[in-house]
């Protein structure tokens, strides 16, 4: 192995050692001896590629691919970041105000978690689970979710082209979206037939718990005797706010647990203060993610409310940035949430108490006008009271 190759291998090994020091993210390595055994294999592979591959190899490109691969086997929200994104995150630099209204993650390509209410993405019918094969002229196959989110932002009024794939679609479907200044989603409510208060929670931004209580109070004062709380396609906000909202419904017991490395588990309990006792169901789907999953699981796990719809996204972890010596970085999930029973919530999601089939339409076709999940929720409330 040449001196340059050896130096590149040593330098590229820094993230591997960092993984180990940060708590065994690399397959929960059992001992230091095993760690160096893996590094020796890594060095051998690089050497074999540089001396045997049929074409000339750019080892910098090989190493970058290896670093991406290290994080790709972890979870969808952990990734290897290039210097541009590391610098932006460390500096606290905000993204441009223009948005298309998508929350994204990464599974082989950039994948849609949810489209925000009244956003350009929702208007054209983009759904949870859709894959974005390219953003503008940049393919997303080797792109982190952090970079994907950055490219979706831009100046208000600017246009971005997304190449989408849904299900078994053979060819990408291109859509042009105009970025907008989107209003911060919140809580809204209205009284439906049968004295059902319909409550829409679009995100768990700061203040959502108080806003939720105020909305429900207004509905009950105008005659609501039961609630349909809709958190479908709610994939943004803070975990603290999701828990705070759940505490307004559950008066005792453990809501969820947070797990860190080493099986360190912290119960997150109800507080028993000012709880809402109105009968309720919670509407969920594949776009219900993050704080909304904590809210749904807290109410369902405590038998406070039944969930109706589809299994949630299973995206309930917390990330932090670790800067590497060359200015790149690791975006790592350092904690995840569990159900009160100890079963995983991250990756597994919340399975609905009452499941509703979803008919997937082809890209470009209009979505069904009827709301099967809400209709079933209304029927269920009418028969269960």
Protein backbone atom coordinates (compact mmCIF):
# COMPACT_ATOMS: atom_id res chain seq x y z
CA UNK A 1 0.00 0.00 0.00
CA UNK A 2 1.34 3.41 -0.94
CA UNK A 3 2.00 6.10 1.67
CA UNK A 4 -0.86 8.22 0.27
CA UNK A 5 -3.28 5.32 0.38
CA UNK A 6 -2.28 4.48 3.94
CA UNK A 7 -2.77 8.09 5.04
CA UNK A 8 -6.20 8.17 3.44
CA UNK A 9 -7.16 4.94 5.19
CA UNK A 10 -5.97 6.25 8.55
CA UNK A 11 -7.79 9.53 8.04
CA UNK A 12 -10.98 7.79 6.93
CA UNK A 13 -10.80 5.55 9.99
CA UNK A 14 -11.33 8.54 12.28
CA UNK A 15 -15.14 8.38 11.90
CA UNK A 16 -15.06 4.64 12.66
CA UNK A 17 -13.21 5.28 15.91
CA UNK A 18 -15.56 8.18 16.61
CA UNK A 19 -18.51 5.81 16.26
CA UNK A 20 -16.98 3.51 18.85
CA UNK A 21 -16.10 6.27 21.30
CA UNK A 22 -19.60 7.72 21.01
CA UNK A 23 -21.13 4.49 22.14
CA UNK A 24 -20.79 1.60 19.76
CA UNK A 25 -22.87 2.88 16.86
CA UNK A 26 -20.90 0.53 14.62
CA UNK A 27 -22.71 -2.70 15.35
CA UNK A 28 -22.23 -2.43 19.17
CA UNK A 29 -18.58 -3.48 19.01
CA UNK A 30 -17.83 -5.66 22.03
CA UNK A 31 -14.17 -4.86 22.65
CA UNK A 32 -11.21 -2.79 21.48
CA UNK A 33 -9.70 -5.86 19.86
CA UNK A 34 -12.80 -6.32 17.70
CA UNK A 35 -12.68 -2.66 16.76
CA UNK A 36 -9.16 -2.90 15.37
CA UNK A 37 -9.98 -6.18 13.65
CA UNK A 38 -12.68 -4.32 11.69
CA UNK A 39 -10.25 -1.52 10.89
CA UNK A 40 -7.68 -3.99 9.58
CA UNK A 41 -10.30 -5.48 7.26
CA UNK A 42 -11.24 -1.96 6.16
CA UNK A 43 -7.59 -1.20 5.35
CA UNK A 44 -7.27 -4.46 3.41
CA UNK A 45 -10.37 -3.69 1.33
CA UNK A 46 -9.08 -0.22 0.39
CA UNK A 47 -5.70 -1.69 -0.52
CA UNK A 48 -7.29 -4.37 -2.71
CA UNK A 49 -9.46 -1.82 -4.49
CA UNK A 50 -6.52 0.51 -5.17
CA UNK A 51 -4.29 -2.29 -6.50
CA UNK A 52 -6.76 -4.59 -8.28
CA UNK A 53 -9.75 -2.65 -9.58
CA UNK A 54 -9.81 -2.54 -13.38
CA UNK A 55 -10.16 1.26 -13.64
CA UNK A 56 -8.17 4.05 -11.96
CA UNK A 57 -9.70 4.77 -8.55
CA UNK A 58 -10.16 8.15 -6.89
CA UNK A 59 -9.62 7.13 -3.28
CA UNK A 60 -11.24 10.31 -1.99
CA UNK A 61 -14.47 9.26 -3.71
CA UNK A 62 -14.12 5.70 -2.38
CA UNK A 63 -13.65 6.96 1.16
CA UNK A 64 -16.62 9.28 0.96
CA UNK A 65 -18.75 6.36 -0.18
CA UNK A 66 -17.45 4.24 2.69
CA UNK A 67 -18.34 6.93 5.21
CA UNK A 68 -21.84 7.21 3.78
CA UNK A 69 -22.18 3.45 4.03
CA UNK A 70 -21.22 3.45 7.70
CA UNK A 71 -24.20 5.61 8.57
CA UNK A 72 -26.61 4.07 6.05
CA UNK A 73 -26.80 0.83 8.07
CA UNK A 74 -27.92 2.70 11.21
CA UNK A 75 -31.29 4.39 10.74
CA UNK A 76 -32.96 6.64 8.19
CA UNK A 77 -32.11 9.83 10.06
CA UNK A 78 -28.41 9.20 10.71
CA UNK A 79 -26.08 10.31 7.92
CA UNK A 80 -22.66 11.49 6.85
CA UNK A 81 -22.68 15.24 6.17
CA UNK A 82 -20.50 17.28 3.89
CA UNK A 83 -18.73 20.40 5.12
CA UNK A 84 -21.37 22.80 3.75
CA UNK A 85 -24.14 21.33 5.89
CA UNK A 86 -21.90 20.97 8.95
CA UNK A 87 -20.92 24.63 8.77
CA UNK A 88 -24.54 25.72 8.35
CA UNK A 89 -25.79 23.67 11.29
CA UNK A 90 -22.97 24.76 13.60
CA UNK A 91 -23.49 28.40 12.70
CA UNK A 92 -27.24 28.14 13.26
CA UNK A 93 -27.78 29.50 9.77
CA UNK A 94 -31.49 29.40 8.87
CA UNK A 95 -32.65 27.98 5.59
CA UNK A 96 -34.27 30.32 3.04
CA UNK A 97 -37.90 31.18 3.80
CA UNK A 98 -39.34 29.64 0.64
CA UNK A 99 -40.59 26.08 1.20
CA UNK A 100 -42.59 23.46 -0.64
CA UNK A 101 -43.97 21.98 2.58
CA UNK A 102 -42.28 18.59 2.80
CA UNK A 103 -40.75 16.69 5.72
CA UNK A 104 -38.22 14.18 4.38
CA UNK A 105 -35.99 11.35 5.48
CA UNK A 106 -33.68 8.99 3.60
CA UNK A 107 -34.32 5.41 2.52
CA UNK A 108 -32.10 4.65 -0.48
CA UNK A 109 -33.31 7.97 -1.91
CA UNK A 110 -34.82 11.02 -0.26
CA UNK A 111 -38.26 9.89 0.91
CA UNK A 112 -41.30 11.93 1.85
CA UNK A 113 -42.41 11.64 5.47
CA UNK A 114 -45.35 14.05 5.14
CA UNK A 115 -46.65 17.06 3.24
CA UNK A 116 -47.78 20.05 5.30
CA UNK A 117 -51.34 21.33 5.20
CA UNK A 118 -52.06 23.92 2.48
CA UNK A 119 -48.57 23.60 0.98
CA UNK A 120 -47.49 23.34 -2.67
CA UNK A 121 -46.56 19.70 -2.04
CA UNK A 122 -50.00 18.85 -0.66
CA UNK A 123 -51.74 20.64 -3.51
CA UNK A 124 -50.13 18.36 -6.13
CA UNK A 125 -50.92 15.22 -4.12
CA UNK A 126 -47.47 14.20 -2.80
CA UNK A 127 -47.97 11.43 -0.22
CA UNK A 128 -46.01 9.88 2.66
CA UNK A 129 -43.67 7.23 1.30
CA UNK A 130 -43.13 8.84 -2.09
CA UNK A 131 -39.49 8.76 -3.18
CA UNK A 132 -37.79 11.85 -4.56
CA UNK A 133 -35.29 10.58 -7.14
CA UNK A 134 -33.94 14.04 -7.93
CA UNK A 135 -34.26 17.60 -6.66
CA UNK A 136 -33.68 19.88 -9.60
CA UNK A 137 -30.74 18.38 -11.46
CA UNK A 138 -29.25 16.63 -8.39
CA UNK A 139 -29.93 12.89 -7.96
CA UNK A 140 -30.71 11.94 -4.35
CA UNK A 141 -29.26 8.42 -4.33
CA UNK A 142 -26.17 9.52 -2.36
CA UNK A 143 -27.80 12.51 -0.67
CA UNK A 144 -28.39 12.94 3.06
CA UNK A 145 -31.82 13.98 4.32
CA UNK A 146 -30.19 17.12 5.72
CA UNK A 147 -29.01 18.15 2.28
CA UNK A 148 -32.33 17.14 0.74
CA UNK A 149 -34.20 19.43 3.13
CA UNK A 150 -31.77 22.24 2.31
CA UNK A 151 -32.31 21.89 -1.45
CA UNK A 152 -36.09 21.94 -1.03
CA UNK A 153 -35.81 25.43 0.49
CA UNK A 154 -35.16 28.52 -1.59
CA UNK A 155 -36.26 32.07 -2.15
CA UNK A 156 -40.05 32.56 -2.08
CA UNK A 157 -41.37 32.49 -5.64
CA UNK A 158 -38.55 30.29 -6.96
CA UNK A 159 -39.37 26.97 -8.62
CA UNK A 160 -37.94 23.53 -7.90
CA UNK A 161 -38.52 20.38 -9.94
CA UNK A 162 -38.97 17.08 -8.09
CA UNK A 163 -38.70 13.69 -9.79
CA UNK A 164 -41.04 11.40 -7.85
CA UNK A 165 -41.53 7.64 -7.70
CA UNK A 166 -44.49 5.97 -5.99
CA UNK A 167 -44.95 2.26 -5.45
CA UNK A 168 -43.99 0.27 -8.54
CA UNK A 169 -43.91 3.29 -10.87
CA UNK A 170 -41.45 2.54 -13.64
CA UNK A 171 -40.57 6.11 -14.63
CA UNK A 172 -40.18 9.16 -12.37
CA UNK A 173 -43.02 11.67 -12.43
CA UNK A 174 -41.77 15.27 -12.52
CA UNK A 175 -43.57 18.11 -10.77
CA UNK A 176 -42.65 21.79 -10.59
CA UNK A 177 -43.32 23.38 -7.22
CA UNK A 178 -43.18 27.08 -6.42
CA UNK A 179 -41.65 27.74 -3.02
CA UNK A 180 -43.79 29.84 -0.69
CA UNK A 181 -43.64 31.48 2.72
CA UNK A 182 -45.82 28.99 4.54
CA UNK A 183 -47.81 29.87 7.62
CA UNK A 184 -46.73 28.04 10.75
CA UNK A 185 -49.24 25.19 11.13
CA UNK A 186 -51.17 25.04 14.37
CA UNK A 187 -54.43 23.78 15.89
CA UNK A 188 -57.90 24.29 14.44
CA UNK A 189 -61.29 22.84 15.27
CA UNK A 190 -64.91 22.68 14.24
CA UNK A 191 -68.10 20.99 15.38
CA UNK A 192 -69.29 18.10 13.21
CA UNK A 193 -72.59 16.26 13.13
CA UNK A 194 -73.34 14.11 16.14
CA UNK A 195 -71.74 16.63 18.50
CA UNK A 196 -68.24 15.50 17.52
CA UNK A 197 -65.52 18.08 17.90
CA UNK A 198 -63.02 17.71 15.06
CA UNK A 199 -59.56 18.93 16.10
CA UNK A 200 -56.79 19.26 13.54
CA UNK A 201 -53.23 19.37 14.93
CA UNK A 202 -50.84 20.12 12.05
CA UNK A 203 -47.61 20.22 14.07
CA UNK A 204 -46.36 20.22 17.65
CA UNK A 205 -44.71 23.61 17.56
CA UNK A 206 -44.13 25.44 20.89
CA UNK A 207 -47.46 26.35 22.47
CA UNK A 208 -49.44 23.58 20.76
CA UNK A 209 -50.52 21.94 24.05
CA UNK A 210 -52.09 25.18 25.29
CA UNK A 211 -53.63 25.86 21.88
CA UNK A 212 -55.07 22.34 21.86
CA UNK A 213 -56.69 22.84 25.28
CA UNK A 214 -58.17 26.18 24.20
CA UNK A 215 -59.60 24.67 21.01
CA UNK A 216 -61.17 21.72 22.84
CA UNK A 217 -62.59 24.01 25.53
CA UNK A 218 -64.24 26.13 22.85
CA UNK A 219 -65.71 23.04 21.15
CA UNK A 220 -67.07 21.50 24.34
CA UNK A 221 -68.65 24.82 25.28
CA UNK A 222 -70.48 24.81 21.96
CA UNK A 223 -71.78 21.27 22.39
CA UNK A 224 -69.02 18.77 21.55
CA UNK A 225 -69.40 15.58 23.59
CA UNK A 226 -66.59 13.62 21.90
CA UNK A 227 -63.42 14.43 19.96
CA UNK A 228 -61.76 13.27 16.74
CA UNK A 229 -58.15 14.45 17.01
CA UNK A 230 -56.49 14.41 13.60
CA UNK A 231 -52.68 14.15 13.60
CA UNK A 232 -52.31 12.66 10.13
CA UNK A 233 -49.33 14.06 8.19
CA UNK A 234 -48.13 15.74 11.38
CA UNK A 235 -44.37 15.21 11.26
CA UNK A 236 -42.82 18.33 12.75
CA UNK A 237 -42.37 20.14 16.04
CA UNK A 238 -40.73 19.26 19.35
CA UNK A 239 -40.94 16.02 21.30
CA UNK A 240 -41.42 18.06 24.48
CA UNK A 241 -44.57 19.62 23.03
CA UNK A 242 -45.92 16.23 21.94
CA UNK A 243 -45.48 14.98 25.51
CA UNK A 244 -46.98 18.17 26.96
CA UNK A 245 -50.08 17.69 24.79
CA UNK A 246 -50.41 14.05 25.84
CA UNK A 247 -50.22 15.05 29.51
CA UNK A 248 -53.40 17.09 29.03
CA UNK A 249 -55.26 13.83 28.33
CA UNK A 250 -53.56 11.23 30.54
CA UNK A 251 -53.54 11.74 34.30
CA UNK A 252 -51.22 8.96 35.50
CA UNK A 253 -48.66 6.37 34.46
CA UNK A 254 -45.77 6.28 32.02
CA UNK A 255 -46.53 7.79 28.62
CA UNK A 256 -43.39 6.72 26.72
CA UNK A 257 -39.72 6.12 27.47
CA UNK A 258 -36.53 7.58 26.05
CA UNK A 259 -33.61 5.23 25.50
CA UNK A 260 -29.95 6.20 25.14
CA UNK A 261 -26.82 4.11 24.58
CA UNK A 262 -26.19 1.38 27.13
CA UNK A 263 -29.91 0.63 27.54
CA UNK A 264 -30.32 3.73 29.72
CA UNK A 265 -34.06 4.31 29.83
CA UNK A 266 -35.88 7.34 31.19
CA UNK A 267 -39.63 7.04 31.81
CA UNK A 268 -41.66 10.06 30.72
CA UNK A 269 -44.67 10.16 33.01
CA UNK A 270 -48.03 11.89 33.16
CA UNK A 271 -48.40 14.74 35.64
CA UNK A 272 -52.11 14.52 36.46
CA UNK A 273 -52.66 18.26 36.06
CA UNK A 274 -55.65 19.75 34.20
CA UNK A 275 -56.46 16.63 32.16
CA UNK A 276 -59.17 16.59 29.50
CA UNK A 277 -61.77 13.86 30.11
CA UNK A 278 -63.81 14.14 26.88
CA UNK A 279 -64.06 10.86 24.96
CA UNK A 280 -61.67 10.87 22.00
CA UNK A 281 -60.21 8.97 19.07
CA UNK A 282 -56.93 9.82 17.33
CA UNK A 283 -56.58 9.75 13.54
CA UNK A 284 -53.15 8.58 12.32
CA UNK A 285 -51.46 7.59 9.05
CA UNK A 286 -48.03 6.91 7.54
CA UNK A 287 -47.29 10.64 7.69
CA UNK A 288 -47.73 10.77 11.47
CA UNK A 289 -44.15 11.04 12.73
CA UNK A 290 -41.93 12.26 15.55
CA UNK A 291 -43.73 14.21 18.29
CA UNK A 292 -47.12 13.17 16.89
CA UNK A 293 -46.17 9.52 17.37
CA UNK A 294 -45.39 10.16 21.03
CA UNK A 295 -48.79 11.82 21.43
CA UNK A 296 -50.62 8.95 19.69
CA UNK A 297 -48.77 6.23 21.59
CA UNK A 298 -49.24 7.97 24.95
CA UNK A 299 -53.01 8.10 24.49
CA UNK A 300 -53.32 4.64 22.93
CA UNK A 301 -50.94 2.91 25.35
CA UNK A 302 -52.76 4.32 28.36
CA UNK A 303 -56.16 3.31 26.90
CA UNK A 304 -57.16 6.96 26.92
CA UNK A 305 -58.09 6.96 23.22
CA UNK A 306 -58.24 4.54 20.34
CA UNK A 307 -56.21 5.17 17.19
CA UNK A 308 -57.81 4.89 13.75
CA UNK A 309 -56.05 4.84 10.37
CA UNK A 310 -52.69 3.44 9.25
CA UNK A 311 -49.44 2.57 11.01
CA UNK A 312 -47.34 5.65 11.75
CA UNK A 313 -43.91 6.43 10.31
CA UNK A 314 -41.75 4.98 13.11
CA UNK A 315 -39.52 8.03 13.15
CA UNK A 316 -39.01 8.79 16.83
CA UNK A 317 -35.34 9.50 17.47
CA UNK A 318 -33.16 12.50 18.33
CA UNK A 319 -30.06 13.48 16.34
CA UNK A 320 -26.93 15.44 17.12
CA UNK A 321 -24.00 16.67 15.04
CA UNK A 322 -20.46 15.34 15.52
CA UNK A 323 -17.88 17.34 13.54
CA UNK A 324 -14.97 15.39 12.07
CA UNK A 325 -11.39 16.71 11.72
CA UNK A 326 -11.72 17.43 7.99
CA UNK A 327 -14.83 19.58 8.47
CA UNK A 328 -17.37 16.94 7.47
CA UNK A 329 -19.60 15.44 10.13
CA UNK A 330 -21.84 12.70 11.41
CA UNK A 331 -25.52 13.34 12.03
CA UNK A 332 -26.29 10.61 14.55
CA UNK A 333 -29.36 9.39 16.37
CA UNK A 334 -28.24 9.45 20.00
CA UNK A 335 -31.61 8.63 21.59
CA UNK A 336 -34.86 6.99 20.58
CA UNK A 337 -38.33 6.64 22.05
CA UNK A 338 -39.97 3.47 23.27
CA UNK A 339 -43.50 2.61 24.24
CA UNK A 340 -44.25 2.46 27.96
CA UNK A 341 -44.07 -1.33 27.64
CA UNK A 342 -40.46 -1.06 26.46
CA UNK A 343 -41.28 -2.06 22.89
CA UNK A 344 -39.69 0.11 20.18
CA UNK A 345 -41.59 3.10 18.88
CA UNK A 346 -38.76 4.29 16.64
CA UNK A 347 -38.78 2.25 13.40
CA UNK A 348 -41.92 0.29 14.46
CA UNK A 349 -44.39 3.16 14.78
CA UNK A 350 -47.88 3.01 16.26
CA UNK A 351 -50.15 0.26 14.96
CA UNK A 352 -53.75 1.57 14.82
CA UNK A 353 -56.39 0.02 17.03
CA UNK A 354 -58.74 0.21 14.05
CA UNK A 355 -56.93 -0.18 10.73
CA UNK A 356 -58.18 1.45 7.54
CA UNK A 357 -56.98 0.31 4.11
CA UNK A 358 -55.49 2.98 1.90
CA UNK A 359 -55.87 2.80 -1.86
CA UNK A 360 -52.68 4.10 -3.48
CA UNK A 361 -53.36 6.13 -6.62
CA UNK A 362 -50.87 6.66 -9.40
CA UNK A 363 -48.74 9.80 -9.43
CA UNK A 364 -50.55 12.59 -11.21
CA UNK A 365 -54.02 11.16 -10.53
CA UNK A 366 -56.35 13.03 -8.15
CA UNK A 367 -56.60 11.74 -4.61
CA UNK A 368 -59.96 10.34 -3.41
CA UNK A 369 -62.33 13.09 -2.30
CA UNK A 370 -63.85 11.07 0.54
CA UNK A 371 -62.11 10.81 3.94
CA UNK A 372 -62.55 7.16 4.90
CA UNK A 373 -60.59 7.45 8.14
CA UNK A 374 -62.62 10.39 9.44
CA UNK A 375 -65.90 8.72 8.39
CA UNK A 376 -64.96 5.57 10.28
CA UNK A 377 -63.95 7.63 13.31
CA UNK A 378 -67.36 9.34 13.34
CA UNK A 379 -69.16 6.00 13.06
CA UNK A 380 -67.02 4.55 15.85
CA UNK A 381 -67.70 7.47 18.18
CA UNK A 382 -71.43 7.28 17.45
CA UNK A 383 -71.63 3.59 18.34
CA UNK A 384 -69.25 3.57 21.31
CA UNK A 385 -70.89 6.32 23.37
